[in-house]
Amino acid sequence: MNFATEFAQWSAERVGEGLAAVRPVDVEQALARESLRLQDLPALLSPAAEAYLEPLAQRAHELTRQRFGNTIQLYAPLYLSNECCNGCLYCGFHAGNRIPRHTLSLDEIEAEGRILHQRGFRHVQLLTGEAPQAVDNAYLSAAVRRLRPLFSSLSIEVYPMDTAGYAQMVAAGVDNLTVYQETYDRALYAELHPFGPKKDFDWRLGAAERGGAAGLRSIGIGALLGLGDWRREGFYVGLHARSLAKHFWRSRINISFPRLRPADGGFAPPRPVSDKALVQLICTLRLLMPDSALVLSTRESASLRDRLLPLGITQISAGSSTAPGGYGHQQQASRQFAIDDDRTPEQICAMLKQAGYDPVFKDWDRAFLDDREEA
């Protein structure tokens, strides 16, 4: 059974009723379990669980330290292009926004990569809008091959591909895919994506599975927090993560928690997510997915990121730019959204060490995979 089939079995009404029916005893029973079951997920996401945030956070902290120790992996986003043909209402790259557009040349990409390499990064995430005339698979493959000598891990967060396209990325040197569904609310998704290829909800919903079938080492998912009801979105993210882990057990499943940030176009989040809600969501998904990397970007403030680290986060970005050419300032292209934590990688590392964490810039090498292929 693929995820689309499983997803169809959980209507928004069914999930909402399950959340509303939770009693305090259901929360207590879920917290007492050694391993969280899918049917326990509504209990810990429910309003009833708000009174149990302290024991929930303690369980999440203990489980994270047990599975990951005191390590925090650092990565950096590298935007290759802000050209886009989609009409996503919440995005600064919206095709209707009159902003400076630019797609980096291969030389510019390498220059950006060398800056990040000099800053210590060995894990880099490549991002683009969706603009077939400017960015296609051949362009991405060339960019990856240009960057591969500089980095041990290259991730993509781009337009959805078919399985053959993801296999092409793996062959070029990509090992990680990140693809947010944005919202799992089908009706809301249609409202937020009035035109462009991204309007196809089902094609995007199956992207993570196609990446898994192509052999990507890790697969990252998430919902863009602030669009729909966060409790229901959290349930669907958990459902999706469990499905991917079951069917693509050789791949690590990563979960991100991106909250909407100010961007060109002035979109206002219809369902803002509070810090307290974010804590509940992170801790719950840690209990559900004890071996998954939980990712928190520079969308969040420095003080909040510092406080959230003990609750399950294992991977963070640092010193980020969300505009093409933003590290070397070669081009004054518009950024996708405003970051909040603008600390340098050195400042982030100092904070982590002071808090008792071991900042890790590299925990994977392509050579492991190359050796396996040669054998």
Protein backbone atom coordinates (compact mmCIF):
# COMPACT_ATOMS: atom_id res chain seq x y z
CA MET A 1 0.00 0.00 0.00
CA ASN A 2 1.51 3.35 -1.03
CA PHE A 3 1.15 6.45 1.09
CA ALA A 4 -1.57 7.99 -1.08
CA THR A 5 -3.78 5.00 -0.28
CA GLU A 6 -3.00 5.20 3.43
CA PHE A 7 -3.49 8.97 3.43
CA ALA A 8 -6.94 8.59 1.88
CA GLN A 9 -8.03 6.44 4.83
CA TRP A 10 -7.47 9.34 7.25
CA SER A 11 -9.87 12.13 6.36
CA ALA A 12 -9.51 15.51 8.05
CA GLU A 13 -12.80 14.84 9.81
CA ARG A 14 -11.56 11.51 11.18
CA VAL A 15 -8.33 13.05 12.43
CA GLY A 16 -10.16 16.01 13.97
CA GLU A 17 -12.60 13.76 15.78
CA GLY A 18 -9.74 11.66 17.11
CA LEU A 19 -7.96 14.74 18.47
CA ALA A 20 -11.13 16.08 20.11
CA ALA A 21 -11.94 12.77 21.78
CA VAL A 22 -8.63 12.48 23.68
CA ARG A 23 -8.91 12.31 27.48
CA PRO A 24 -6.14 12.93 30.02
CA VAL A 25 -5.91 9.18 30.66
CA ASP A 26 -5.17 8.65 26.94
CA VAL A 27 -2.26 11.08 27.16
CA GLU A 28 -0.92 9.36 30.26
CA GLN A 29 -1.11 5.94 28.65
CA ALA A 30 0.68 7.19 25.54
CA LEU A 31 3.47 8.73 27.64
CA ALA A 32 3.84 5.48 29.58
CA ARG A 33 4.51 3.39 26.48
CA GLU A 34 8.07 2.41 25.72
CA SER A 35 7.39 2.83 22.00
CA LEU A 36 4.76 5.21 20.67
CA ARG A 37 2.17 3.66 18.36
CA LEU A 38 0.52 5.49 15.48
CA GLN A 39 -2.79 5.35 17.34
CA ASP A 40 -1.13 7.22 20.23
CA LEU A 41 -0.19 10.15 17.99
CA PRO A 42 -3.51 12.05 18.35
CA ALA A 43 -3.25 11.77 22.14
CA LEU A 44 0.06 13.64 22.31
CA LEU A 45 -0.96 16.21 19.69
CA SER A 46 -4.31 16.92 21.32
CA PRO A 47 -5.36 19.92 23.41
CA ALA A 48 -5.54 17.52 26.37
CA ALA A 49 -1.78 16.95 26.11
CA GLU A 50 -0.98 20.63 26.75
CA ALA A 51 -1.14 19.90 30.50
CA TYR A 52 1.60 17.27 30.06
CA LEU A 53 4.24 19.28 28.22
CA GLU A 54 6.85 18.85 30.97
CA PRO A 55 6.80 15.01 31.03
CA LEU A 56 6.49 15.00 27.22
CA ALA A 57 9.59 17.20 26.90
CA GLN A 58 11.50 15.05 29.38
CA ARG A 59 10.72 11.87 27.45
CA ALA A 60 11.76 13.54 24.18
CA HIS A 61 15.03 14.76 25.73
CA GLU A 62 15.93 11.36 27.16
CA LEU A 63 15.13 9.55 23.94
CA THR A 64 17.15 11.98 21.82
CA ARG A 65 20.21 11.72 24.05
CA GLN A 66 19.89 7.92 24.03
CA ARG A 67 19.78 7.71 20.24
CA PHE A 68 21.96 10.67 19.19
CA GLY A 69 24.14 11.48 22.19
CA ASN A 70 25.06 15.16 22.45
CA THR A 71 25.75 15.72 18.75
CA ILE A 72 24.12 18.41 16.62
CA GLN A 73 24.74 18.31 12.87
CA LEU A 74 25.22 21.62 11.06
CA TYR A 75 24.29 22.30 7.46
CA ALA A 76 23.86 25.28 5.15
CA PRO A 77 21.31 26.01 2.41
CA LEU A 78 22.66 27.04 -1.00
CA TYR A 79 20.10 28.70 -3.25
CA LEU A 80 20.83 28.16 -6.94
CA SER A 81 17.87 30.07 -8.41
CA ASN A 82 14.87 32.14 -7.38
CA GLU A 83 13.13 31.89 -10.74
CA CYS A 84 9.74 30.20 -10.48
CA CYS A 85 6.56 29.59 -12.48
CA ASN A 86 4.40 28.64 -9.49
CA GLY A 87 1.83 30.82 -7.76
CA CYS A 88 2.38 29.72 -4.15
CA LEU A 89 0.77 32.57 -2.23
CA TYR A 90 3.07 32.29 0.80
CA CYS A 91 6.41 32.22 -1.04
CA GLY A 92 8.73 35.09 -1.81
CA PHE A 93 9.57 33.42 -5.15
CA HIS A 94 5.89 33.59 -6.26
CA ALA A 95 5.84 34.01 -10.05
CA GLY A 96 3.72 37.15 -9.73
CA ASN A 97 6.11 38.96 -7.39
CA ARG A 98 8.16 41.64 -9.11
CA ILE A 99 11.55 40.80 -7.61
CA PRO A 100 15.10 40.56 -8.96
CA ARG A 101 15.50 37.06 -10.40
CA HIS A 102 18.73 35.18 -10.95
CA THR A 103 19.94 31.66 -11.64
CA LEU A 104 23.54 31.01 -10.70
CA SER A 105 26.01 29.89 -13.34
CA LEU A 106 28.15 26.84 -12.57
CA ASP A 107 31.08 29.12 -11.75
CA GLU A 108 28.90 31.13 -9.37
CA ILE A 109 27.66 27.92 -7.76
CA GLU A 110 31.21 26.74 -7.18
CA ALA A 111 32.16 30.14 -5.74
CA GLU A 112 29.27 29.94 -3.27
CA GLY A 113 30.25 26.37 -2.43
CA ARG A 114 33.84 27.32 -1.73
CA ILE A 115 32.71 30.01 0.70
CA LEU A 116 30.61 27.48 2.61
CA HIS A 117 33.45 24.95 2.50
CA GLN A 118 35.82 27.52 3.97
CA ARG A 119 33.32 28.12 6.77
CA GLY A 120 33.53 24.44 7.67
CA PHE A 121 30.33 23.06 6.14
CA ARG A 122 30.38 19.59 4.63
CA HIS A 123 26.58 19.12 4.41
CA VAL A 124 24.87 21.49 1.97
CA GLN A 125 21.27 21.68 0.81
CA LEU A 126 20.64 22.92 -2.74
CA LEU A 127 17.40 24.84 -3.32
CA THR A 128 15.64 26.32 -6.34
CA GLY A 129 12.25 27.51 -7.46
CA GLU A 130 10.45 25.64 -10.22
CA ALA A 131 11.35 27.11 -13.59
CA PRO A 132 11.96 24.50 -16.32
CA GLN A 133 13.39 27.07 -18.70
CA ALA A 134 16.11 28.01 -16.17
CA VAL A 135 16.60 24.96 -13.97
CA ASP A 136 16.21 21.38 -15.14
CA ASN A 137 17.71 18.02 -14.20
CA ALA A 138 20.73 18.55 -16.43
CA TYR A 139 21.50 21.87 -14.70
CA LEU A 140 21.10 20.32 -11.25
CA SER A 141 23.28 17.33 -12.16
CA ALA A 142 26.01 19.67 -13.40
CA ALA A 143 25.77 21.77 -10.23
CA VAL A 144 26.01 18.68 -8.03
CA ARG A 145 29.05 17.37 -9.90
CA ARG A 146 30.74 20.77 -9.56
CA LEU A 147 30.11 20.82 -5.80
CA ARG A 148 30.71 17.17 -5.01
CA PRO A 149 34.49 17.50 -4.44
CA LEU A 150 33.79 20.13 -1.74
CA PHE A 151 31.12 18.36 0.32
CA SER A 152 30.51 14.95 1.83
CA SER A 153 26.71 15.26 1.59
CA LEU A 154 24.58 17.09 -0.96
CA SER A 155 20.84 17.46 -0.47
CA ILE A 156 18.22 18.83 -2.82
CA GLU A 157 15.03 20.74 -2.04
CA VAL A 158 13.70 21.44 -5.51
CA TYR A 159 10.71 20.60 -7.73
CA PRO A 160 9.26 17.05 -7.52
CA MET A 161 10.75 14.55 -9.98
CA ASP A 162 9.82 11.11 -11.22
CA THR A 163 11.81 8.12 -10.00
CA ALA A 164 14.15 8.26 -12.97
CA GLY A 165 14.88 11.92 -12.24
CA TYR A 166 15.77 11.17 -8.63
CA ALA A 167 17.95 8.28 -9.81
CA GLN A 168 19.74 10.79 -12.04
CA MET A 169 20.37 12.96 -8.98
CA VAL A 170 21.73 9.98 -7.02
CA ALA A 171 24.08 9.17 -9.90
CA ALA A 172 25.34 12.77 -9.88
CA GLY A 173 26.10 12.64 -6.14
CA VAL A 174 22.93 13.65 -4.26
CA ASP A 175 22.24 11.56 -1.16
CA ASN A 176 19.36 13.42 0.51
CA LEU A 177 15.97 14.70 -0.61
CA THR A 178 13.79 17.22 1.22
CA VAL A 179 10.25 17.81 -0.01
CA TYR A 180 7.60 19.52 2.11
CA GLN A 181 3.98 18.83 1.29
CA GLU A 182 3.42 22.39 2.59
CA THR A 183 -0.07 21.41 3.81
CA TYR A 184 -1.79 18.01 3.87
CA ASP A 185 -5.18 19.76 3.67
CA ARG A 186 -6.17 19.14 0.06
CA ALA A 187 -8.70 21.99 -0.15
CA LEU A 188 -6.34 24.50 1.46
CA TYR A 189 -3.53 23.32 -0.82
CA ALA A 190 -5.67 24.15 -3.86
CA GLU A 191 -6.35 27.66 -2.54
CA LEU A 192 -2.67 28.34 -1.84
CA HIS A 193 -1.43 27.05 -5.22
CA PRO A 194 -3.72 28.68 -7.81
CA PHE A 195 -1.41 28.01 -10.79
CA GLY A 196 1.78 26.28 -11.83
CA PRO A 197 2.97 22.66 -11.77
CA LYS A 198 2.95 22.69 -7.97
CA LYS A 199 -0.85 22.83 -8.07
CA ASP A 200 -0.83 19.01 -8.42
CA PHE A 201 -1.28 17.84 -4.80
CA ASP A 202 -0.95 14.13 -5.55
CA TRP A 203 2.23 14.45 -7.61
CA ARG A 204 3.89 16.24 -4.72
CA LEU A 205 2.50 13.79 -2.17
CA GLY A 206 4.26 10.90 -3.92
CA ALA A 207 7.62 12.65 -4.36
CA ALA A 208 9.21 11.28 -1.18
CA GLU A 209 8.30 7.71 -2.17
CA ARG A 210 9.77 8.19 -5.63
CA GLY A 211 12.95 9.46 -4.00
CA GLY A 212 13.03 6.40 -1.76
CA ALA A 213 12.57 4.13 -4.75
CA ALA A 214 15.53 5.85 -6.43
CA GLY A 215 17.78 4.90 -3.51
CA LEU A 216 18.31 8.22 -1.74
CA ARG A 217 20.11 7.75 1.58
CA SER A 218 17.78 10.05 3.51
CA ILE A 219 14.38 11.62 2.89
CA GLY A 220 13.13 14.76 4.59
CA ILE A 221 9.49 15.79 4.93
CA GLY A 222 7.45 18.39 6.80
CA ALA A 223 4.49 20.75 6.72
CA LEU A 224 4.83 24.51 6.40
CA LEU A 225 3.57 25.56 9.80
CA GLY A 226 1.10 28.43 9.83
CA LEU A 227 -0.99 27.33 6.85
CA GLY A 228 -3.33 24.71 8.31
CA ASP A 229 -4.27 23.40 11.74
CA TRP A 230 -0.93 22.34 13.24
CA ARG A 231 -2.36 19.36 15.13
CA ARG A 232 -3.78 17.79 11.98
CA GLU A 233 -0.67 18.67 9.99
CA GLY A 234 1.43 17.06 12.72
CA PHE A 235 -0.65 13.89 12.52
CA TYR A 236 -0.20 13.66 8.75
CA VAL A 237 3.55 14.33 8.98
CA GLY A 238 3.80 11.49 11.51
CA LEU A 239 1.67 9.20 9.34
CA HIS A 240 3.84 10.03 6.32
CA ALA A 241 7.09 9.50 8.24
CA ARG A 242 6.00 6.10 9.56
CA SER A 243 4.93 4.99 6.08
CA LEU A 244 8.27 6.03 4.54
CA ALA A 245 10.24 4.33 7.33
CA LYS A 246 8.31 1.11 6.77
CA HIS A 247 8.69 0.97 3.01
CA PHE A 248 12.17 2.54 2.64
CA TRP A 249 13.90 1.18 5.72
CA ARG A 250 17.35 1.69 4.24
CA SER A 251 16.74 5.45 4.11
CA ARG A 252 16.81 7.73 7.14
CA ILE A 253 13.66 9.80 7.53
CA ASN A 254 14.16 13.46 8.49
CA ILE A 255 11.42 15.76 9.77
CA SER A 256 11.58 19.56 9.57
CA PHE A 257 9.47 22.16 11.39
CA PRO A 258 9.42 25.25 9.14
CA ARG A 259 7.23 28.07 10.44
CA LEU A 260 6.18 30.76 7.99
CA ARG A 261 8.43 33.83 7.90
CA PRO A 262 7.97 37.27 6.31
CA ALA A 263 8.52 37.21 2.54
CA ASP A 264 7.91 39.32 -0.55
CA GLY A 265 4.18 39.42 -1.22
CA GLY A 266 3.19 40.10 2.39
CA PHE A 267 1.35 36.80 2.95
CA ALA A 268 -0.04 36.53 6.50
CA PRO A 269 -0.15 33.03 8.05
CA PRO A 270 -3.83 32.04 8.43
CA ARG A 271 -3.09 29.69 11.36
CA PRO A 272 -0.03 30.97 13.28
CA VAL A 273 1.76 28.35 15.38
CA SER A 274 2.85 29.41 18.87
CA ASP A 275 6.15 28.49 20.49
CA LYS A 276 4.25 26.25 22.91
CA ALA A 277 2.59 24.41 20.03
CA LEU A 278 5.94 24.00 18.30
CA VAL A 279 7.36 22.38 21.45
CA GLN A 280 4.45 19.94 21.63
CA LEU A 281 4.82 19.06 17.96
CA ILE A 282 8.59 18.50 18.10
CA CYS A 283 8.43 16.38 21.25
CA THR A 284 5.57 14.25 19.95
CA LEU A 285 7.26 13.47 16.65
CA ARG A 286 10.48 12.63 18.48
CA LEU A 287 8.61 9.98 20.48
CA LEU A 288 6.97 8.65 17.32
CA MET A 289 10.20 8.62 15.26
CA PRO A 290 13.06 8.03 17.74
CA ASP A 291 15.73 7.50 15.06
CA SER A 292 14.76 10.35 12.74
CA ALA A 293 16.76 13.55 12.40
CA LEU A 294 14.63 16.49 13.55
CA VAL A 295 15.62 19.68 11.76
CA LEU A 296 15.26 23.33 12.81
CA SER A 297 16.36 26.11 10.48
CA THR A 298 17.32 29.75 10.92
CA ARG A 299 13.65 30.66 10.39
CA GLU A 300 13.49 30.59 14.20
CA SER A 301 15.06 33.11 16.57
CA ALA A 302 18.39 32.44 18.24
CA SER A 303 16.88 32.28 21.72
CA LEU A 304 14.13 29.87 20.70
CA ARG A 305 16.50 27.57 18.80
CA ASP A 306 18.75 27.41 21.85
CA ARG A 307 15.81 26.42 24.05
CA LEU A 308 14.45 23.84 21.62
CA LEU A 309 17.71 21.95 21.20
CA PRO A 310 17.24 19.71 24.26
CA LEU A 311 13.76 18.65 23.14
CA GLY A 312 14.65 16.49 20.16
CA ILE A 313 16.39 18.65 17.55
CA THR A 314 19.47 16.99 16.03
CA GLN A 315 20.18 19.09 12.95
CA ILE A 316 20.29 22.87 12.45
CA SER A 317 21.34 25.31 9.77
CA ALA A 318 23.77 28.14 10.50
CA GLY A 319 24.85 31.38 8.86
CA SER A 320 22.14 30.95 6.24
CA SER A 321 21.25 32.96 3.15
CA THR A 322 17.98 32.38 1.26
CA ALA A 323 18.96 34.26 -1.91
CA PRO A 324 20.98 33.00 -4.89
CA GLY A 325 24.51 34.33 -4.55
CA GLY A 326 23.81 35.44 -0.98
CA TYR A 327 27.07 34.20 0.51
CA GLY A 328 29.42 35.92 -1.94
CA HIS A 329 27.04 38.81 -2.73
CA GLN A 330 27.64 38.31 -6.44
CA GLN A 331 24.01 39.08 -7.24
CA GLN A 332 21.34 41.17 -5.55
CA ALA A 333 18.63 38.58 -6.13
CA SER A 334 15.60 38.47 -3.86
CA ARG A 335 15.50 35.99 -0.98
CA GLN A 336 12.79 33.40 -0.44
CA PHE A 337 12.05 34.53 3.13
CA ALA A 338 13.67 36.44 5.97
CA ILE A 339 15.77 34.45 8.42
CA ASP A 340 15.63 35.19 12.14
CA ASP A 341 18.78 33.61 13.61
CA ASP A 342 21.63 35.46 11.89
CA ARG A 343 24.49 34.14 14.02
CA THR A 344 27.64 33.04 12.24
CA PRO A 345 28.68 29.36 12.18
CA GLU A 346 31.40 30.21 14.72
CA GLN A 347 28.85 31.75 17.08
CA ILE A 348 26.55 28.75 16.70
CA CYS A 349 29.41 26.36 17.46
CA ALA A 350 30.39 28.38 20.54
CA MET A 351 26.81 28.26 21.79
CA LEU A 352 26.58 24.51 21.23
CA LYS A 353 29.84 23.78 23.04
CA GLN A 354 28.87 26.00 25.95
CA ALA A 355 25.58 24.08 26.21
CA GLY A 356 27.41 20.75 26.23
CA TYR A 357 26.82 19.71 22.62
CA ASP A 358 29.29 18.50 20.03
CA PRO A 359 28.78 20.42 16.75
CA VAL A 360 29.26 18.05 13.79
CA PHE A 361 29.97 19.36 10.31
CA LYS A 362 30.44 15.93 8.74
CA ASP A 363 28.84 12.60 9.64
CA TRP A 364 28.73 10.96 6.22
CA ASP A 365 31.05 10.44 3.27
CA ARG A 366 30.14 9.48 -0.26
CA ALA A 367 33.10 7.08 -0.18
CA PHE A 368 31.02 4.71 1.96
CA LEU A 369 28.50 4.39 -0.86
CA ASP A 370 31.18 4.28 -3.55
CA ASP A 371 32.92 1.40 -1.76
CA ARG A 372 29.64 -0.51 -1.55
CA GLU A 373 28.98 0.00 -5.26
CA GLU A 374 32.48 -1.13 -6.21
CA ALA A 375 32.14 -4.26 -4.07
